[in-house]
Amino acid sequence: QVQLVESGGGLVQPGGSLRLSCAASRSIFSFTAMGWYRQAPGKQRELVASITSGGSTNYADSVKGRFTISRDNAKNTVYLQMNSLKPEDTAVYYCNARKLIFPNLNDYWGQGTQVTVSS
C-alpha cells in the first residue's frame, strides 16, 4: 500500500505554467512506474506521462514538448512540469503508482488536483 498526495494545481492563463507534485508515503523506487493521468468532465481518464523506475519516460502526444515528468527518489516525489498550457489541458490530474510483478498488476491513485486553464 502507498498513499499518494498531489499538490500544485490551480487556475492559470493560457500559455502559463504549473508544476504538480505527488508525494508518496513510502519509497517510490520499488514501483514499476509512476505516472500522471487526467480526467476532464465527460471524458475518460487518460495517461498524460509516465516514468519507470529506470527513468524511461512516456508522454501523450497532446503534451509532448510541453510537459515534463521527473522523479526524486530521495524525496519519494514525482513531478509534472506543465508549460504552454492550453484550455484543453483543463482536468483533474491524478498521480498513479504502478507495481507489476507478473501476473499481478496493482495500481494506486491519489485524490487528484484540479488544473484549470482559462483567461
N, C-alpha and C. Protein backbone atom coordinates (compact mmCIF):
# COMPACT_ATOMS: atom_id res chain seq x y z
N GLN A 1 0.82 -1.19 0.00
CA GLN A 1 0.00 0.00 0.00
C GLN A 1 0.86 1.24 0.00
N VAL A 2 0.32 2.31 -0.56
CA VAL A 2 1.01 3.59 -0.57
C VAL A 2 -0.04 4.68 -0.67
N GLN A 3 0.19 5.77 0.02
CA GLN A 3 -0.68 6.94 -0.12
C GLN A 3 0.02 7.96 -1.00
N LEU A 4 -0.74 8.51 -1.93
CA LEU A 4 -0.22 9.49 -2.88
C LEU A 4 -0.98 10.79 -2.69
N VAL A 5 -0.26 11.88 -2.52
CA VAL A 5 -0.89 13.18 -2.30
C VAL A 5 -0.39 14.16 -3.36
N GLU A 6 -1.32 14.62 -4.19
CA GLU A 6 -0.98 15.58 -5.24
C GLU A 6 -1.12 17.01 -4.71
N SER A 7 -0.35 17.89 -5.30
CA SER A 7 -0.45 19.32 -5.00
C SER A 7 0.04 20.10 -6.20
N GLY A 8 -0.26 21.40 -6.20
CA GLY A 8 0.25 22.27 -7.25
C GLY A 8 -0.75 22.68 -8.31
N GLY A 9 -1.95 22.14 -8.23
CA GLY A 9 -2.96 22.53 -9.20
C GLY A 9 -3.47 23.93 -8.95
N GLY A 10 -4.29 24.43 -9.88
CA GLY A 10 -4.84 25.76 -9.72
C GLY A 10 -5.35 26.31 -11.02
N LEU A 11 -5.60 27.61 -11.00
CA LEU A 11 -6.08 28.33 -12.18
C LEU A 11 -4.91 29.07 -12.83
N VAL A 12 -4.75 28.89 -14.12
CA VAL A 12 -3.67 29.54 -14.84
C VAL A 12 -4.17 29.99 -16.20
N GLN A 13 -3.60 31.07 -16.71
CA GLN A 13 -3.99 31.57 -18.02
C GLN A 13 -3.35 30.73 -19.13
N PRO A 14 -3.97 30.70 -20.29
CA PRO A 14 -3.36 30.01 -21.43
C PRO A 14 -1.94 30.52 -21.68
N GLY A 15 -1.04 29.57 -21.94
CA GLY A 15 0.37 29.91 -22.12
C GLY A 15 1.17 29.88 -20.84
N GLY A 16 0.49 29.75 -19.71
CA GLY A 16 1.18 29.74 -18.43
C GLY A 16 1.73 28.38 -18.07
N SER A 17 2.30 28.30 -16.86
CA SER A 17 2.94 27.07 -16.39
C SER A 17 2.47 26.72 -14.98
N LEU A 18 2.51 25.43 -14.71
CA LEU A 18 2.26 24.91 -13.36
C LEU A 18 3.19 23.71 -13.15
N ARG A 19 3.52 23.46 -11.89
CA ARG A 19 4.25 22.25 -11.56
C ARG A 19 3.45 21.47 -10.53
N LEU A 20 3.08 20.27 -10.90
CA LEU A 20 2.37 19.38 -9.98
C LEU A 20 3.38 18.50 -9.25
N SER A 21 3.06 18.21 -8.00
CA SER A 21 3.88 17.31 -7.20
C SER A 21 3.03 16.17 -6.68
N CYS A 22 3.64 15.02 -6.55
CA CYS A 22 2.97 13.84 -6.00
C CYS A 22 3.90 13.26 -4.95
N ALA A 23 3.50 13.40 -3.69
CA ALA A 23 4.30 12.89 -2.58
C ALA A 23 3.78 11.53 -2.16
N ALA A 24 4.66 10.55 -2.12
CA ALA A 24 4.29 9.19 -1.74
C ALA A 24 4.65 8.93 -0.28
N SER A 25 3.87 8.05 0.35
CA SER A 25 4.07 7.76 1.78
C SER A 25 5.23 6.80 2.01
N ARG A 26 5.73 6.20 0.94
CA ARG A 26 6.90 5.33 1.09
C ARG A 26 7.71 5.38 -0.19
N SER A 27 8.80 4.66 -0.21
CA SER A 27 9.71 4.70 -1.34
C SER A 27 9.02 4.40 -2.66
N ILE A 28 9.29 5.24 -3.64
CA ILE A 28 8.71 5.01 -4.97
C ILE A 28 9.63 4.17 -5.85
N PHE A 29 10.81 3.88 -5.37
CA PHE A 29 11.78 3.16 -6.20
C PHE A 29 11.29 1.76 -6.54
N SER A 30 10.49 1.18 -5.63
CA SER A 30 10.04 -0.20 -5.84
C SER A 30 8.91 -0.32 -6.86
N PHE A 31 8.34 0.81 -7.25
CA PHE A 31 7.24 0.75 -8.20
C PHE A 31 7.76 0.65 -9.63
N THR A 32 7.06 -0.11 -10.43
CA THR A 32 7.46 -0.30 -11.82
C THR A 32 7.46 1.02 -12.56
N ALA A 33 6.44 1.83 -12.30
CA ALA A 33 6.34 3.13 -12.94
C ALA A 33 5.49 4.05 -12.09
N MET A 34 5.76 5.34 -12.24
CA MET A 34 4.92 6.38 -11.66
C MET A 34 4.36 7.19 -12.83
N GLY A 35 3.13 7.66 -12.67
CA GLY A 35 2.54 8.38 -13.79
C GLY A 35 1.55 9.45 -13.36
N TRP A 36 1.23 10.28 -14.34
CA TRP A 36 0.19 11.29 -14.18
C TRP A 36 -0.89 11.00 -15.22
N TYR A 37 -2.12 10.98 -14.74
CA TYR A 37 -3.29 10.83 -15.59
C TYR A 37 -4.16 12.06 -15.39
N ARG A 38 -5.08 12.26 -16.32
CA ARG A 38 -6.04 13.36 -16.16
C ARG A 38 -7.41 12.94 -16.66
N GLN A 39 -8.41 13.60 -16.09
CA GLN A 39 -9.78 13.33 -16.50
C GLN A 39 -10.54 14.64 -16.58
N ALA A 40 -10.99 14.95 -17.77
CA ALA A 40 -11.81 16.13 -18.00
C ALA A 40 -13.28 15.75 -17.88
N PRO A 41 -14.14 16.70 -17.59
CA PRO A 41 -15.57 16.39 -17.46
C PRO A 41 -16.12 15.70 -18.69
N GLY A 42 -16.82 14.58 -18.46
CA GLY A 42 -17.42 13.86 -19.56
C GLY A 42 -16.48 13.02 -20.38
N LYS A 43 -15.22 12.95 -19.96
CA LYS A 43 -14.23 12.18 -20.71
C LYS A 43 -13.62 11.09 -19.83
N GLN A 44 -13.00 10.12 -20.49
CA GLN A 44 -12.33 9.05 -19.75
C GLN A 44 -10.99 9.54 -19.23
N ARG A 45 -10.53 8.89 -18.17
CA ARG A 45 -9.21 9.19 -17.65
C ARG A 45 -8.17 8.75 -18.68
N GLU A 46 -7.17 9.61 -18.89
CA GLU A 46 -6.16 9.30 -19.87
C GLU A 46 -4.76 9.50 -19.30
N LEU A 47 -3.81 8.74 -19.84
CA LEU A 47 -2.43 8.88 -19.43
C LEU A 47 -1.86 10.19 -19.98
N VAL A 48 -1.19 10.93 -19.12
CA VAL A 48 -0.50 12.15 -19.55
C VAL A 48 0.99 11.87 -19.72
N ALA A 49 1.58 11.28 -18.69
CA ALA A 49 3.01 10.99 -18.72
C ALA A 49 3.33 9.93 -17.69
N SER A 50 4.38 9.16 -17.97
CA SER A 50 4.82 8.16 -17.01
C SER A 50 6.34 8.08 -17.02
N ILE A 51 6.87 7.56 -15.90
CA ILE A 51 8.31 7.39 -15.79
C ILE A 51 8.57 6.09 -15.05
N THR A 52 9.44 5.26 -15.60
CA THR A 52 9.73 3.97 -14.99
C THR A 52 10.77 4.12 -13.88
N SER A 53 10.97 3.03 -13.18
CA SER A 53 11.97 3.05 -12.11
C SER A 53 13.37 3.26 -12.70
N GLY A 54 13.54 2.91 -13.98
CA GLY A 54 14.82 3.12 -14.64
C GLY A 54 14.97 4.49 -15.26
N GLY A 55 13.88 5.29 -15.21
CA GLY A 55 13.96 6.65 -15.72
C GLY A 55 13.42 6.86 -17.12
N SER A 56 12.92 5.81 -17.75
CA SER A 56 12.35 5.97 -19.09
C SER A 56 11.01 6.68 -18.98
N THR A 57 10.78 7.59 -19.92
CA THR A 57 9.56 8.39 -19.89
C THR A 57 8.68 8.14 -21.11
N ASN A 58 7.41 8.41 -20.92
CA ASN A 58 6.43 8.26 -22.00
C ASN A 58 5.41 9.37 -21.85
N TYR A 59 5.04 9.98 -22.99
CA TYR A 59 4.11 11.11 -22.95
C TYR A 59 2.96 10.91 -23.94
N ALA A 60 1.80 11.43 -23.58
CA ALA A 60 0.72 11.51 -24.54
C ALA A 60 1.13 12.48 -25.65
N ASP A 61 0.68 12.20 -26.87
CA ASP A 61 1.05 13.05 -27.99
C ASP A 61 0.63 14.51 -27.75
N SER A 62 -0.47 14.69 -27.06
CA SER A 62 -1.02 16.04 -26.88
C SER A 62 -0.16 16.91 -25.95
N VAL A 63 0.75 16.30 -25.19
CA VAL A 63 1.56 17.09 -24.25
C VAL A 63 3.05 17.04 -24.56
N LYS A 64 3.44 16.27 -25.56
CA LYS A 64 4.86 16.17 -25.91
C LYS A 64 5.43 17.54 -26.23
N GLY A 65 6.59 17.82 -25.65
CA GLY A 65 7.24 19.10 -25.87
C GLY A 65 6.77 20.19 -24.95
N ARG A 66 5.71 19.95 -24.21
CA ARG A 66 5.19 20.97 -23.27
C ARG A 66 5.29 20.51 -21.81
N PHE A 67 5.10 19.22 -21.57
CA PHE A 67 5.12 18.68 -20.21
C PHE A 67 6.37 17.85 -19.99
N THR A 68 6.84 17.85 -18.75
CA THR A 68 8.00 17.03 -18.39
C THR A 68 7.73 16.34 -17.06
N ILE A 69 7.89 15.02 -17.05
CA ILE A 69 7.74 14.26 -15.82
C ILE A 69 9.13 13.96 -15.26
N SER A 70 9.24 14.00 -13.94
CA SER A 70 10.51 13.69 -13.31
C SER A 70 10.23 13.08 -11.94
N ARG A 71 11.26 12.48 -11.37
CA ARG A 71 11.09 11.85 -10.07
C ARG A 71 12.31 12.13 -9.20
N ASP A 72 12.06 12.24 -7.90
CA ASP A 72 13.12 12.40 -6.92
C ASP A 72 12.95 11.26 -5.93
N ASN A 73 13.73 10.20 -6.13
CA ASN A 73 13.57 9.03 -5.27
C ASN A 73 13.88 9.33 -3.81
N ALA A 74 14.81 10.23 -3.58
CA ALA A 74 15.18 10.56 -2.20
C ALA A 74 14.03 11.23 -1.45
N LYS A 75 13.19 11.96 -2.20
CA LYS A 75 12.05 12.65 -1.58
C LYS A 75 10.74 11.90 -1.79
N ASN A 76 10.82 10.75 -2.45
CA ASN A 76 9.60 9.97 -2.75
C ASN A 76 8.55 10.82 -3.45
N THR A 77 8.99 11.60 -4.40
CA THR A 77 8.10 12.56 -5.05
C THR A 77 8.28 12.51 -6.57
N VAL A 78 7.14 12.65 -7.24
CA VAL A 78 7.12 12.73 -8.70
C VAL A 78 6.55 14.08 -9.08
N TYR A 79 7.10 14.65 -10.13
CA TYR A 79 6.69 15.99 -10.56
C TYR A 79 6.16 15.95 -11.99
N LEU A 80 5.31 16.91 -12.30
CA LEU A 80 4.89 17.13 -13.68
C LEU A 80 4.99 18.63 -13.94
N GLN A 81 5.99 19.01 -14.71
CA GLN A 81 6.14 20.40 -15.11
C GLN A 81 5.32 20.62 -16.38
N MET A 82 4.39 21.55 -16.30
CA MET A 82 3.49 21.81 -17.41
C MET A 82 3.70 23.23 -17.92
N ASN A 83 4.14 23.35 -19.15
CA ASN A 83 4.37 24.64 -19.77
C ASN A 83 3.44 24.83 -20.96
N SER A 84 3.32 26.07 -21.39
CA SER A 84 2.48 26.39 -22.56
C SER A 84 1.10 25.77 -22.43
N LEU A 85 0.50 25.95 -21.29
CA LEU A 85 -0.79 25.32 -21.03
C LEU A 85 -1.88 25.85 -21.94
N LYS A 86 -2.79 24.93 -22.27
CA LYS A 86 -3.90 25.24 -23.16
C LYS A 86 -5.23 24.98 -22.44
N PRO A 87 -6.30 25.61 -22.86
CA PRO A 87 -7.59 25.34 -22.21
C PRO A 87 -7.95 23.86 -22.23
N GLU A 88 -7.54 23.14 -23.25
CA GLU A 88 -7.85 21.70 -23.32
C GLU A 88 -7.06 20.87 -22.32
N ASP A 89 -6.12 21.48 -21.61
CA ASP A 89 -5.41 20.78 -20.53
C ASP A 89 -6.21 20.80 -19.24
N THR A 90 -7.30 21.53 -19.22
CA THR A 90 -8.13 21.60 -18.02
C THR A 90 -8.68 20.22 -17.67
N ALA A 91 -8.43 19.80 -16.43
CA ALA A 91 -8.84 18.47 -15.99
C ALA A 91 -8.44 18.30 -14.52
N VAL A 92 -8.91 17.21 -13.94
CA VAL A 92 -8.37 16.77 -12.67
C VAL A 92 -7.19 15.85 -12.98
N TYR A 93 -6.06 16.14 -12.37
CA TYR A 93 -4.84 15.37 -12.60
C TYR A 93 -4.61 14.43 -11.43
N TYR A 94 -4.37 13.17 -11.77
CA TYR A 94 -4.19 12.13 -10.76
C TYR A 94 -2.79 11.54 -10.84
N CYS A 95 -2.21 11.31 -9.70
CA CYS A 95 -0.94 10.61 -9.62
C CYS A 95 -1.21 9.11 -9.52
N ASN A 96 -0.37 8.34 -10.16
CA ASN A 96 -0.52 6.88 -10.18
C ASN A 96 0.81 6.21 -9.86
N ALA A 97 0.73 5.16 -9.05
CA ALA A 97 1.89 4.30 -8.80
C ALA A 97 1.51 2.90 -9.24
N ARG A 98 2.32 2.32 -10.10
CA ARG A 98 2.01 1.01 -10.67
C ARG A 98 3.10 0.02 -10.30
N LYS A 99 2.62 -1.14 -9.81
CA LYS A 99 3.55 -2.20 -9.45
C LYS A 99 3.17 -3.44 -10.23
N LEU A 100 4.07 -3.90 -11.07
CA LEU A 100 3.83 -5.08 -11.88
C LEU A 100 4.80 -6.17 -11.47
N ILE A 101 4.25 -7.21 -10.85
CA ILE A 101 5.00 -8.42 -10.59
C ILE A 101 4.18 -9.52 -11.23
N PHE A 102 4.61 -9.88 -12.43
CA PHE A 102 3.81 -10.78 -13.26
C PHE A 102 3.35 -12.00 -12.48
N PRO A 103 2.03 -12.37 -12.57
CA PRO A 103 0.99 -11.75 -13.41
C PRO A 103 0.15 -10.69 -12.71
N ASN A 104 0.61 -10.23 -11.55
CA ASN A 104 -0.21 -9.30 -10.76
C ASN A 104 0.16 -7.85 -11.06
N LEU A 105 -0.89 -7.05 -11.27
CA LEU A 105 -0.73 -5.63 -11.51
C LEU A 105 -1.53 -4.86 -10.47
N ASN A 106 -0.86 -3.97 -9.75
CA ASN A 106 -1.51 -3.15 -8.75
C ASN A 106 -1.33 -1.68 -9.07
N ASP A 107 -2.43 -0.95 -9.07
CA ASP A 107 -2.42 0.49 -9.31
C ASP A 107 -2.89 1.21 -8.05
N TYR A 108 -2.18 2.26 -7.71
CA TYR A 108 -2.54 3.11 -6.58
C TYR A 108 -2.74 4.53 -7.10
N TRP A 109 -3.74 5.22 -6.53
CA TRP A 109 -4.11 6.54 -7.03
C TRP A 109 -4.15 7.58 -5.92
N GLY A 110 -3.82 8.79 -6.30
CA GLY A 110 -4.03 9.91 -5.40
C GLY A 110 -5.46 10.42 -5.54
N GLN A 111 -5.76 11.48 -4.79
CA GLN A 111 -7.13 12.01 -4.78
C GLN A 111 -7.38 12.99 -5.92
N GLY A 112 -6.32 13.43 -6.56
CA GLY A 112 -6.46 14.33 -7.71
C GLY A 112 -6.29 15.79 -7.33
N THR A 113 -5.85 16.57 -8.31
CA THR A 113 -5.73 18.01 -8.14
C THR A 113 -6.26 18.68 -9.40
N GLN A 114 -7.05 19.73 -9.21
CA GLN A 114 -7.70 20.39 -10.33
C GLN A 114 -6.74 21.37 -11.01
N VAL A 115 -6.69 21.28 -12.32
CA VAL A 115 -5.96 22.24 -13.14
C VAL A 115 -6.97 22.88 -14.09
N THR A 116 -7.05 24.20 -14.02
CA THR A 116 -7.96 24.94 -14.88
C THR A 116 -7.16 25.96 -15.68
N VAL A 117 -7.27 25.88 -17.00
CA VAL A 117 -6.56 26.81 -17.88
C VAL A 117 -7.62 27.69 -18.55
N SER A 118 -7.62 28.95 -18.15
CA SER A 118 -8.66 29.85 -18.64
C SER A 118 -8.21 31.29 -18.50
N SER A 119 -8.67 32.10 -19.43
CA SER A 119 -8.38 33.53 -19.34
C SER A 119 -9.51 34.26 -18.63
